[in-house]
């Protein structure tokens, strides 16, 4: 979890969306975008960005767009955090190579 994910810009909309997503999970209606498997009531999950926050920030998105409910969804906790770790590694490699996020690989 990055510092960005601790800001009110993220936590407020994520906390508002969490009960809605939980109801959908309880009804068996949510599939994780990362692994394409259902999120079940016995699994831990995160409110995740569809377009990763780091990519959106580097692309100039305002906080309101990054954290809009259209850009938030439930993902398995392990899937979400694994993807975030891979993105962080890619961003660090791009920084070392002198490539900015807008034009590098992620």
PDB file of N, CA and C in Angstrom:
ATOM      1  N   UNK A   1       0.846  -1.175   0.000  1.00  0.00           N
ATOM      2  CA  UNK A   1       0.000   0.000   0.000  1.00  0.00           C
ATOM      3  C   UNK A   1       0.889   1.235   0.000  1.00  0.00           C
ATOM      4  N   UNK A   2       0.610   2.161  -0.901  1.00  0.00           N
ATOM      5  CA  UNK A   2       1.409   3.374  -0.997  1.00  0.00           C
ATOM      6  C   UNK A   2       0.853   4.458  -0.081  1.00  0.00           C
ATOM      7  N   UNK A   3       1.616   5.528   0.058  1.00  0.00           N
ATOM      8  CA  UNK A   3       1.144   6.678   0.840  1.00  0.00           C
ATOM      9  C   UNK A   3      -0.165   7.208   0.251  1.00  0.00           C
ATOM     10  N   UNK A   4      -0.279   7.172  -1.065  1.00  0.00           N
ATOM     11  CA  UNK A   4      -1.487   7.671  -1.725  1.00  0.00           C
ATOM     12  C   UNK A   4      -2.733   6.948  -1.210  1.00  0.00           C
ATOM     13  N   UNK A   5      -2.592   5.659  -0.957  1.00  0.00           N
ATOM     14  CA  UNK A   5      -3.736   4.859  -0.514  1.00  0.00           C
ATOM     15  C   UNK A   5      -4.122   5.125   0.937  1.00  0.00           C
ATOM     16  N   UNK A   6      -3.360   5.974   1.614  1.00  0.00           N
ATOM     17  CA  UNK A   6      -3.692   6.369   2.983  1.00  0.00           C
ATOM     18  C   UNK A   6      -4.333   7.749   3.038  1.00  0.00           C
ATOM     19  N   UNK A   7      -4.440   8.419   1.891  1.00  0.00           N
ATOM     20  CA  UNK A   7      -5.013   9.761   1.859  1.00  0.00           C
ATOM     21  C   UNK A   7      -6.535   9.705   1.867  1.00  0.00           C
ATOM     22  N   UNK A   8      -7.145  10.801   2.310  1.00  0.00           N
ATOM     23  CA  UNK A   8      -8.609  10.871   2.303  1.00  0.00           C
ATOM     24  C   UNK A   8      -9.159  10.830   0.882  1.00  0.00           C
ATOM     25  N   UNK A   9      -8.373  11.297  -0.081  1.00  0.00           N
ATOM     26  CA  UNK A   9      -8.824  11.264  -1.480  1.00  0.00           C
ATOM     27  C   UNK A   9      -9.160   9.844  -1.908  1.00  0.00           C
ATOM     28  N   UNK A  10      -8.426   8.850  -1.359  1.00  0.00           N
ATOM     29  CA  UNK A  10      -8.701   7.446  -1.669  1.00  0.00           C
ATOM     30  C   UNK A  10      -9.605   6.799  -0.621  1.00  0.00           C
ATOM     31  N   UNK A  11      -9.289   6.983   0.658  1.00  0.00           N
ATOM     32  CA  UNK A  11     -10.000   6.228   1.689  1.00  0.00           C
ATOM     33  C   UNK A  11     -11.479   6.577   1.769  1.00  0.00           C
ATOM     34  N   UNK A  12     -11.831   7.836   1.542  1.00  0.00           N
ATOM     35  CA  UNK A  12     -13.247   8.209   1.629  1.00  0.00           C
ATOM     36  C   UNK A  12     -14.090   7.490   0.579  1.00  0.00           C
ATOM     37  N   UNK A  13     -13.759   7.581  -0.726  1.00  0.00           N
ATOM     38  CA  UNK A  13     -14.582   6.838  -1.700  1.00  0.00           C
ATOM     39  C   UNK A  13     -14.477   5.327  -1.538  1.00  0.00           C
ATOM     40  N   UNK A  14     -13.313   4.828  -1.175  1.00  0.00           N
ATOM     41  CA  UNK A  14     -13.156   3.372  -1.001  1.00  0.00           C
ATOM     42  C   UNK A  14     -14.026   2.875   0.147  1.00  0.00           C
ATOM     43  N   UNK A  15     -14.057   3.625   1.233  1.00  0.00           N
ATOM     44  CA  UNK A  15     -14.880   3.216   2.384  1.00  0.00           C
ATOM     45  C   UNK A  15     -16.368   3.318   2.084  1.00  0.00           C
ATOM     46  N   UNK A  16     -16.766   4.257   1.242  1.00  0.00           N
ATOM     47  CA  UNK A  16     -18.173   4.347   0.832  1.00  0.00           C
ATOM     48  C   UNK A  16     -18.567   3.175  -0.057  1.00  0.00           C
ATOM     49  N   UNK A  17     -17.639   2.741  -0.891  1.00  0.00           N
ATOM     50  CA  UNK A  17     -17.919   1.674  -1.858  1.00  0.00           C
ATOM     51  C   UNK A  17     -17.861   0.282  -1.231  1.00  0.00           C
ATOM     52  N   UNK A  18     -17.076   0.125  -0.176  1.00  0.00           N
ATOM     53  CA  UNK A  18     -16.852  -1.191   0.434  1.00  0.00           C
ATOM     54  C   UNK A  18     -18.150  -1.937   0.771  1.00  0.00           C
ATOM     55  N   UNK A  19     -19.160  -1.329   1.440  1.00  0.00           N
ATOM     56  CA  UNK A  19     -20.382  -2.092   1.751  1.00  0.00           C
ATOM     57  C   UNK A  19     -21.167  -2.510   0.502  1.00  0.00           C
ATOM     58  N   UNK A  20     -21.107  -1.705  -0.530  1.00  0.00           N
ATOM     59  CA  UNK A  20     -21.785  -2.043  -1.789  1.00  0.00           C
ATOM     60  C   UNK A  20     -21.109  -3.260  -2.417  1.00  0.00           C
ATOM     61  N   UNK A  21     -19.779  -3.227  -2.459  1.00  0.00           N
ATOM     62  CA  UNK A  21     -19.035  -4.362  -3.012  1.00  0.00           C
ATOM     63  C   UNK A  21     -19.234  -5.616  -2.168  1.00  0.00           C
ATOM     64  N   UNK A  22     -19.281  -5.451  -0.832  1.00  0.00           N
ATOM     65  CA  UNK A  22     -19.488  -6.608   0.046  1.00  0.00           C
ATOM     66  C   UNK A  22     -20.839  -7.266  -0.244  1.00  0.00           C
ATOM     67  N   UNK A  23     -21.863  -6.460  -0.468  1.00  0.00           N
ATOM     68  CA  UNK A  23     -23.185  -7.010  -0.802  1.00  0.00           C
ATOM     69  C   UNK A  23     -23.135  -7.778  -2.122  1.00  0.00           C
ATOM     70  N   UNK A  24     -22.391  -7.256  -3.098  1.00  0.00           N
ATOM     71  CA  UNK A  24     -22.253  -7.942  -4.381  1.00  0.00           C
ATOM     72  C   UNK A  24     -21.470  -9.250  -4.225  1.00  0.00           C
ATOM     73  N   UNK A  25     -20.442  -9.226  -3.376  1.00  0.00           N
ATOM     74  CA  UNK A  25     -19.665 -10.445  -3.104  1.00  0.00           C
ATOM     75  C   UNK A  25     -20.554 -11.469  -2.413  1.00  0.00           C
ATOM     76  N   UNK A  26     -21.335 -11.027  -1.439  1.00  0.00           N
ATOM     77  CA  UNK A  26     -22.251 -11.931  -0.732  1.00  0.00           C
ATOM     78  C   UNK A  26     -23.245 -12.589  -1.676  1.00  0.00           C
ATOM     79  N   UNK A  27     -23.608 -11.857  -2.742  1.00  0.00           N
ATOM     80  CA  UNK A  27     -24.559 -12.382  -3.725  1.00  0.00           C
ATOM     81  C   UNK A  27     -23.860 -13.203  -4.820  1.00  0.00           C
ATOM     82  N   UNK A  28     -22.531 -13.335  -4.726  1.00  0.00           N
ATOM     83  CA  UNK A  28     -21.790 -14.121  -5.716  1.00  0.00           C
ATOM     84  C   UNK A  28     -21.662 -13.437  -7.059  1.00  0.00           C
ATOM     85  N   UNK A  29     -21.632 -12.098  -7.062  1.00  0.00           N
ATOM     86  CA  UNK A  29     -21.651 -11.344  -8.316  1.00  0.00           C
ATOM     87  C   UNK A  29     -20.316 -10.718  -8.710  1.00  0.00           C
ATOM     88  N   UNK A  30     -19.240 -10.972  -7.964  1.00  0.00           N
ATOM     89  CA  UNK A  30     -17.983 -10.273  -8.230  1.00  0.00           C
ATOM     90  C   UNK A  30     -16.901 -11.248  -8.674  1.00  0.00           C
ATOM     91  N   UNK A  31     -16.272 -10.918  -9.788  1.00  0.00           N
ATOM     92  CA  UNK A  31     -15.149 -11.682 -10.314  1.00  0.00           C
ATOM     93  C   UNK A  31     -13.926 -10.768 -10.287  1.00  0.00           C
ATOM     94  N   UNK A  32     -12.808 -11.275  -9.825  1.00  0.00           N
ATOM     95  CA  UNK A  32     -11.566 -10.515  -9.758  1.00  0.00           C
ATOM     96  C   UNK A  32     -11.032 -10.278 -11.174  1.00  0.00           C
ATOM     97  N   UNK A  33     -10.739  -9.036 -11.483  1.00  0.00           N
ATOM     98  CA  UNK A  33     -10.222  -8.668 -12.802  1.00  0.00           C
ATOM     99  C   UNK A  33      -8.813  -9.218 -13.034  1.00  0.00           C
ATOM    100  N   UNK A  34      -8.086  -9.491 -11.975  1.00  0.00           N
ATOM    101  CA  UNK A  34      -6.697  -9.958 -12.124  1.00  0.00           C
ATOM    102  C   UNK A  34      -6.622 -11.454 -12.441  1.00  0.00           C
ATOM    103  N   UNK A  35      -7.403 -12.276 -11.751  1.00  0.00           N
ATOM    104  CA  UNK A  35      -7.302 -13.735 -11.939  1.00  0.00           C
ATOM    105  C   UNK A  35      -8.547 -14.336 -12.586  1.00  0.00           C
ATOM    106  N   UNK A  36      -9.596 -13.532 -12.729  1.00  0.00           N
ATOM    107  CA  UNK A  36     -10.851 -13.953 -13.362  1.00  0.00           C
ATOM    108  C   UNK A  36     -11.599 -15.043 -12.596  1.00  0.00           C
ATOM    109  N   UNK A  37     -11.332 -15.133 -11.289  1.00  0.00           N
ATOM    110  CA  UNK A  37     -12.040 -16.083 -10.429  1.00  0.00           C
ATOM    111  C   UNK A  37     -12.983 -15.309  -9.514  1.00  0.00           C
ATOM    112  N   UNK A  38     -14.075 -15.930  -9.095  1.00  0.00           N
ATOM    113  CA  UNK A  38     -15.012 -15.249  -8.200  1.00  0.00           C
ATOM    114  C   UNK A  38     -14.351 -14.879  -6.869  1.00  0.00           C
ATOM    115  N   UNK A  39     -14.793 -13.764  -6.303  1.00  0.00           N
ATOM    116  CA  UNK A  39     -14.400 -13.406  -4.945  1.00  0.00           C
ATOM    117  C   UNK A  39     -15.506 -13.934  -4.044  1.00  0.00           C
ATOM    118  N   UNK A  40     -15.139 -14.812  -3.122  1.00  0.00           N
ATOM    119  CA  UNK A  40     -16.126 -15.432  -2.244  1.00  0.00           C
ATOM    120  C   UNK A  40     -16.074 -14.794  -0.857  1.00  0.00           C
ATOM    121  N   UNK A  41     -17.110 -15.039  -0.088  1.00  0.00           N
ATOM    122  CA  UNK A  41     -17.247 -14.396   1.217  1.00  0.00           C
ATOM    123  C   UNK A  41     -16.160 -14.790   2.205  1.00  0.00           C
ATOM    124  N   UNK A  42     -15.492 -15.908   1.982  1.00  0.00           N
ATOM    125  CA  UNK A  42     -14.434 -16.333   2.898  1.00  0.00           C
ATOM    126  C   UNK A  42     -13.053 -15.816   2.492  1.00  0.00           C
ATOM    127  N   UNK A  43     -12.973 -15.013   1.429  1.00  0.00           N
ATOM    128  CA  UNK A  43     -11.694 -14.510   0.942  1.00  0.00           C
ATOM    129  C   UNK A  43     -11.504 -13.035   1.302  1.00  0.00           C
ATOM    130  N   UNK A  44     -10.250 -12.664   1.538  1.00  0.00           N
ATOM    131  CA  UNK A  44      -9.930 -11.258   1.780  1.00  0.00           C
ATOM    132  C   UNK A  44      -9.869 -10.548   0.443  1.00  0.00           C
ATOM    133  N   UNK A  45     -10.326  -9.297   0.440  1.00  0.00           N
ATOM    134  CA  UNK A  45     -10.326  -8.532  -0.793  1.00  0.00           C
ATOM    135  C   UNK A  45     -10.027  -7.064  -0.498  1.00  0.00           C
ATOM    136  N   UNK A  46      -9.610  -6.361  -1.529  1.00  0.00           N
ATOM    137  CA  UNK A  46      -9.297  -4.931  -1.449  1.00  0.00           C
ATOM    138  C   UNK A  46     -10.197  -4.168  -2.405  1.00  0.00           C
ATOM    139  N   UNK A  47     -10.434  -2.907  -2.084  1.00  0.00           N
ATOM    140  CA  UNK A  47     -10.997  -1.981  -3.055  1.00  0.00           C
ATOM    141  C   UNK A  47      -9.802  -1.511  -3.877  1.00  0.00           C
ATOM    142  N   UNK A  48      -9.825  -1.801  -5.150  1.00  0.00           N
ATOM    143  CA  UNK A  48      -8.671  -1.576  -6.017  1.00  0.00           C
ATOM    144  C   UNK A  48      -9.007  -0.619  -7.152  1.00  0.00           C
ATOM    145  N   UNK A  49      -7.971   0.037  -7.658  1.00  0.00           N
ATOM    146  CA  UNK A  49      -8.133   0.889  -8.838  1.00  0.00           C
ATOM    147  C   UNK A  49      -8.105   0.024 -10.093  1.00  0.00           C
ATOM    148  N   UNK A  50      -8.985   0.300 -11.013  1.00  0.00           N
ATOM    149  CA  UNK A  50      -8.967  -0.381 -12.316  1.00  0.00           C
ATOM    150  C   UNK A  50      -7.751   0.113 -13.100  1.00  0.00           C
ATOM    151  N   UNK A  51      -7.629   1.437 -13.236  1.00  0.00           N
ATOM    152  CA  UNK A  51      -6.395   2.040 -13.746  1.00  0.00           C
ATOM    153  C   UNK A  51      -5.577   2.362 -12.505  1.00  0.00           C
ATOM    154  N   UNK A  52      -4.417   1.736 -12.368  1.00  0.00           N
ATOM    155  CA  UNK A  52      -3.606   1.907 -11.164  1.00  0.00           C
ATOM    156  C   UNK A  52      -3.390   3.384 -10.850  1.00  0.00           C
ATOM    157  N   UNK A  53      -3.442   3.710  -9.567  1.00  0.00           N
ATOM    158  CA  UNK A  53      -3.309   5.097  -9.122  1.00  0.00           C
ATOM    159  C   UNK A  53      -1.999   5.717  -9.601  1.00  0.00           C
ATOM    160  N   UNK A  54      -0.901   4.975  -9.539  1.00  0.00           N
ATOM    161  CA  UNK A  54       0.398   5.519  -9.954  1.00  0.00           C
ATOM    162  C   UNK A  54       0.400   5.878 -11.438  1.00  0.00           C
ATOM    163  N   UNK A  55      -0.201   5.028 -12.252  1.00  0.00           N
ATOM    164  CA  UNK A  55      -0.281   5.287 -13.689  1.00  0.00           C
ATOM    165  C   UNK A  55      -1.182   6.497 -13.946  1.00  0.00           C
ATOM    166  N   UNK A  56      -2.321   6.536 -13.268  1.00  0.00           N
ATOM    167  CA  UNK A  56      -3.252   7.648 -13.445  1.00  0.00           C
ATOM    168  C   UNK A  56      -2.632   8.973 -12.992  1.00  0.00           C
ATOM    169  N   UNK A  57      -1.938   8.969 -11.848  1.00  0.00           N
ATOM    170  CA  UNK A  57      -1.274  10.184 -11.364  1.00  0.00           C
ATOM    171  C   UNK A  57      -0.222  10.658 -12.359  1.00  0.00           C
ATOM    172  N   UNK A  58       0.586   9.730 -12.867  1.00  0.00           N
ATOM    173  CA  UNK A  58       1.631  10.087 -13.829  1.00  0.00           C
ATOM    174  C   UNK A  58       1.039  10.592 -15.142  1.00  0.00           C
ATOM    175  N   UNK A  59      -0.193  10.172 -15.424  1.00  0.00           N
ATOM    176  CA  UNK A  59      -0.872  10.600 -16.657  1.00  0.00           C
ATOM    177  C   UNK A  59      -1.648  11.898 -16.466  1.00  0.00           C
ATOM    178  N   UNK A  60      -1.607  12.440 -15.236  1.00  0.00           N
ATOM    179  CA  UNK A  60      -2.239  13.727 -14.989  1.00  0.00           C
ATOM    180  C   UNK A  60      -3.693  13.671 -14.570  1.00  0.00           C
ATOM    181  N   UNK A  61      -4.182  12.496 -14.177  1.00  0.00           N
ATOM    182  CA  UNK A  61      -5.576  12.399 -13.737  1.00  0.00           C
ATOM    183  C   UNK A  61      -5.752  13.166 -12.429  1.00  0.00           C
ATOM    184  N   UNK A  62      -6.862  13.859 -12.257  1.00  0.00           N
ATOM    185  CA  UNK A  62      -7.153  14.462 -10.948  1.00  0.00           C
ATOM    186  C   UNK A  62      -7.616  13.379  -9.968  1.00  0.00           C
ATOM    187  N   UNK A  63      -7.456  13.649  -8.658  1.00  0.00           N
ATOM    188  CA  UNK A  63      -7.866  12.684  -7.631  1.00  0.00           C
ATOM    189  C   UNK A  63      -9.313  12.243  -7.805  1.00  0.00           C
ATOM    190  N   UNK A  64     -10.182  13.180  -8.200  1.00  0.00           N
ATOM    191  CA  UNK A  64     -11.600  12.834  -8.330  1.00  0.00           C
ATOM    192  C   UNK A  64     -11.812  11.743  -9.382  1.00  0.00           C
ATOM    193  N   UNK A  65     -11.030  11.754 -10.437  1.00  0.00           N
ATOM    194  CA  UNK A  65     -11.162  10.733 -11.484  1.00  0.00           C
ATOM    195  C   UNK A  65     -10.495   9.426 -11.058  1.00  0.00           C
ATOM    196  N   UNK A  66      -9.342   9.534 -10.409  1.00  0.00           N
ATOM    197  CA  UNK A  66      -8.622   8.334  -9.973  1.00  0.00           C
ATOM    198  C   UNK A  66      -9.478   7.526  -9.009  1.00  0.00           C
ATOM    199  N   UNK A  67     -10.163   8.230  -8.116  1.00  0.00           N
ATOM    200  CA  UNK A  67     -10.917   7.574  -7.052  1.00  0.00           C
ATOM    201  C   UNK A  67     -12.420   7.564  -7.287  1.00  0.00           C
ATOM    202  N   UNK A  68     -12.833   7.840  -8.493  1.00  0.00           N
ATOM    203  CA  UNK A  68     -14.256   7.769  -8.832  1.00  0.00           C
ATOM    204  C   UNK A  68     -14.686   6.305  -8.779  1.00  0.00           C
ATOM    205  N   UNK A  69     -15.923   6.077  -8.418  1.00  0.00           N
ATOM    206  CA  UNK A  69     -16.400   4.693  -8.309  1.00  0.00           C
ATOM    207  C   UNK A  69     -16.290   3.932  -9.629  1.00  0.00           C
ATOM    208  N   UNK A  70     -16.253   4.634 -10.747  1.00  0.00           N
ATOM    209  CA  UNK A  70     -16.066   3.961 -12.037  1.00  0.00           C
ATOM    210  C   UNK A  70     -14.659   3.390 -12.186  1.00  0.00           C
ATOM    211  N   UNK A  71     -13.720   3.852 -11.345  1.00  0.00           N
ATOM    212  CA  UNK A  71     -12.341   3.369 -11.412  1.00  0.00           C
ATOM    213  C   UNK A  71     -11.975   2.522 -10.190  1.00  0.00           C
ATOM    214  N   UNK A  72     -12.956   2.130  -9.394  1.00  0.00           N
ATOM    215  CA  UNK A  72     -12.702   1.298  -8.219  1.00  0.00           C
ATOM    216  C   UNK A  72     -13.507   0.014  -8.315  1.00  0.00           C
ATOM    217  N   UNK A  73     -12.926  -1.071  -7.831  1.00  0.00           N
ATOM    218  CA  UNK A  73     -13.590  -2.369  -7.856  1.00  0.00           C
ATOM    219  C   UNK A  73     -12.996  -3.263  -6.780  1.00  0.00           C
ATOM    220  N   UNK A  74     -13.627  -4.382  -6.539  1.00  0.00           N
ATOM    221  CA  UNK A  74     -13.085  -5.381  -5.613  1.00  0.00           C
ATOM    222  C   UNK A  74     -12.147  -6.304  -6.377  1.00  0.00           C
ATOM    223  N   UNK A  75     -11.020  -6.626  -5.738  1.00  0.00           N
ATOM    224  CA  UNK A  75     -10.085  -7.625  -6.248  1.00  0.00           C
ATOM    225  C   UNK A  75      -9.612  -8.455  -5.067  1.00  0.00           C
ATOM    226  N   UNK A  76      -9.262  -9.703  -5.337  1.00  0.00           N
ATOM    227  CA  UNK A  76      -8.651 -10.505  -4.281  1.00  0.00           C
ATOM    228  C   UNK A  76      -7.462  -9.727  -3.726  1.00  0.00           C
ATOM    229  N   UNK A  77      -7.296  -9.756  -2.428  1.00  0.00           N
ATOM    230  CA  UNK A  77      -6.190  -9.022  -1.801  1.00  0.00           C
ATOM    231  C   UNK A  77      -4.847  -9.459  -2.380  1.00  0.00           C
ATOM    232  N   UNK A  78      -4.641 -10.770  -2.521  1.00  0.00           N
ATOM    233  CA  UNK A  78      -3.353 -11.249  -3.042  1.00  0.00           C
ATOM    234  C   UNK A  78      -3.144 -10.819  -4.490  1.00  0.00           C
ATOM    235  N   UNK A  79      -4.185 -10.843  -5.290  1.00  0.00           N
ATOM    236  CA  UNK A  79      -4.073 -10.419  -6.690  1.00  0.00           C
ATOM    237  C   UNK A  79      -3.724  -8.937  -6.775  1.00  0.00           C
ATOM    238  N   UNK A  80      -4.439  -8.122  -6.011  1.00  0.00           N
ATOM    239  CA  UNK A  80      -4.232  -6.678  -6.038  1.00  0.00           C
ATOM    240  C   UNK A  80      -2.836  -6.309  -5.568  1.00  0.00           C
ATOM    241  N   UNK A  81      -2.397  -6.882  -4.480  1.00  0.00           N
ATOM    242  CA  UNK A  81      -1.101  -6.495  -3.915  1.00  0.00           C
ATOM    243  C   UNK A  81       0.059  -7.046  -4.742  1.00  0.00           C
ATOM    244  N   UNK A  82      -0.137  -8.184  -5.371  1.00  0.00           N
ATOM    245  CA  UNK A  82       0.881  -8.710  -6.269  1.00  0.00           C
ATOM    246  C   UNK A  82       1.049  -7.785  -7.475  1.00  0.00           C
ATOM    247  N   UNK A  83      -0.057  -7.334  -8.028  1.00  0.00           N
ATOM    248  CA  UNK A  83      -0.019  -6.426  -9.175  1.00  0.00           C
ATOM    249  C   UNK A  83       0.643  -5.108  -8.787  1.00  0.00           C
ATOM    250  N   UNK A  84       0.327  -4.595  -7.589  1.00  0.00           N
ATOM    251  CA  UNK A  84       0.937  -3.353  -7.128  1.00  0.00           C
ATOM    252  C   UNK A  84       2.434  -3.485  -6.955  1.00  0.00           C
ATOM    253  N   UNK A  85       2.886  -4.629  -6.456  1.00  0.00           N
ATOM    254  CA  UNK A  85       4.317  -4.869  -6.295  1.00  0.00           C
ATOM    255  C   UNK A  85       5.032  -4.916  -7.632  1.00  0.00           C
ATOM    256  N   UNK A  86       4.414  -5.563  -8.609  1.00  0.00           N
ATOM    257  CA  UNK A  86       5.016  -5.642  -9.939  1.00  0.00           C
ATOM    258  C   UNK A  86       5.098  -4.251 -10.571  1.00  0.00           C
ATOM    259  N   UNK A  87       4.057  -3.438 -10.383  1.00  0.00           N
ATOM    260  CA  UNK A  87       4.059  -2.086 -10.921  1.00  0.00           C
ATOM    261  C   UNK A  87       5.166  -1.265 -10.268  1.00  0.00           C
ATOM    262  N   UNK A  88       5.330  -1.392  -8.958  1.00  0.00           N
ATOM    263  CA  UNK A  88       6.381  -0.651  -8.249  1.00  0.00           C
ATOM    264  C   UNK A  88       7.766  -1.035  -8.764  1.00  0.00           C
ATOM    265  N   UNK A  89       7.985  -2.322  -8.999  1.00  0.00           N
ATOM    266  CA  UNK A  89       9.274  -2.775  -9.528  1.00  0.00           C
ATOM    267  C   UNK A  89       9.519  -2.195 -10.920  1.00  0.00           C
ATOM    268  N   UNK A  90       8.488  -2.192 -11.741  1.00  0.00           N
ATOM    269  CA  UNK A  90       8.608  -1.665 -13.091  1.00  0.00           C
ATOM    270  C   UNK A  90       8.890  -0.155 -13.067  1.00  0.00           C
ATOM    271  N   UNK A  91       8.192   0.552 -12.176  1.00  0.00           N
ATOM    272  CA  UNK A  91       8.410   1.997 -12.061  1.00  0.00           C
ATOM    273  C   UNK A  91       9.837   2.289 -11.606  1.00  0.00           C
ATOM    274  N   UNK A  92      10.357   1.503 -10.654  1.00  0.00           N
ATOM    275  CA  UNK A  92      11.729   1.701 -10.180  1.00  0.00           C
ATOM    276  C   UNK A  92      12.723   1.438 -11.310  1.00  0.00           C
ATOM    277  N   UNK A  93      12.493   0.408 -12.099  1.00  0.00           N
ATOM    278  CA  UNK A  93      13.382   0.090 -13.226  1.00  0.00           C
ATOM    279  C   UNK A  93      13.338   1.217 -14.259  1.00  0.00           C
ATOM    280  N   UNK A  94      12.145   1.741 -14.528  1.00  0.00           N
ATOM    281  CA  UNK A  94      12.035   2.853 -15.471  1.00  0.00           C
ATOM    282  C   UNK A  94      12.770   4.085 -14.955  1.00  0.00           C
ATOM    283  N   UNK A  95      12.678   4.328 -13.662  1.00  0.00           N
ATOM    284  CA  UNK A  95      13.364   5.483 -13.065  1.00  0.00           C
ATOM    285  C   UNK A  95      14.874   5.328 -13.212  1.00  0.00           C
ATOM    286  N   UNK A  96      15.378   4.110 -12.933  1.00  0.00           N
ATOM    287  CA  UNK A  96      16.816   3.860 -13.077  1.00  0.00           C
ATOM    288  C   UNK A  96      17.256   4.029 -14.526  1.00  0.00           C
ATOM    289  N   UNK A  97      16.395   3.655 -15.461  1.00  0.00           N
ATOM    290  CA  UNK A  97      16.723   3.748 -16.883  1.00  0.00           C
ATOM    291  C   UNK A  97      16.480   5.150 -17.440  1.00  0.00           C
ATOM    292  N   UNK A  98      15.905   6.031 -16.618  1.00  0.00           N
ATOM    293  CA  UNK A  98      15.630   7.390 -17.076  1.00  0.00           C
ATOM    294  C   UNK A  98      14.388   7.490 -17.943  1.00  0.00           C
ATOM    295  N   UNK A  99      13.515   6.514 -17.854  1.00  0.00           N
ATOM    296  CA  UNK A  99      12.275   6.497 -18.630  1.00  0.00           C
ATOM    297  C   UNK A  99      11.139   6.911 -17.720  1.00  0.00           C
ATOM    298  N   UNK A 100      10.342   7.888 -18.157  1.00  0.00           N
ATOM    299  CA  UNK A 100       9.224   8.285 -17.297  1.00  0.00           C
ATOM    300  C   UNK A 100       8.077   7.299 -17.443  1.00  0.00           C
ATOM    301  N   UNK A 101       7.159   7.338 -16.479  1.00  0.00           N
ATOM    302  CA  UNK A 101       6.072   6.375 -16.435  1.00  0.00           C
ATOM    303  C   UNK A 101       5.152   6.481 -17.636  1.00  0.00           C
ATOM    304  N   UNK A 102       4.984   7.687 -18.184  1.00  0.00           N
ATOM    305  CA  UNK A 102       4.076   7.861 -19.312  1.00  0.00           C
ATOM    306  C   UNK A 102       4.559   7.105 -20.539  1.00  0.00           C
ATOM    307  N   UNK A 103       5.887   6.967 -20.671  1.00  0.00           N
ATOM    308  CA  UNK A 103       6.422   6.354 -21.882  1.00  0.00           C
ATOM    309  C   UNK A 103       7.129   5.026 -21.637  1.00  0.00           C
ATOM    310  N   UNK A 104       7.226   4.614 -20.386  1.00  0.00           N
ATOM    311  CA  UNK A 104       7.901   3.364 -20.059  1.00  0.00           C
ATOM    312  C   UNK A 104       6.946   2.193 -20.038  1.00  0.00           C
ATOM    313  N   UNK A 105       7.486   1.060 -19.675  1.00  0.00           N
ATOM    314  CA  UNK A 105       6.650  -0.149 -19.528  1.00  0.00           C
ATOM    315  C   UNK A 105       6.167  -0.245 -18.099  1.00  0.00           C
ATOM    316  N   UNK A 106       4.957  -0.698 -17.933  1.00  0.00           N
ATOM    317  CA  UNK A 106       4.439  -0.987 -16.595  1.00  0.00           C
ATOM    318  C   UNK A 106       3.474  -2.109 -16.651  1.00  0.00           C
TER     319      UNK A 106
END
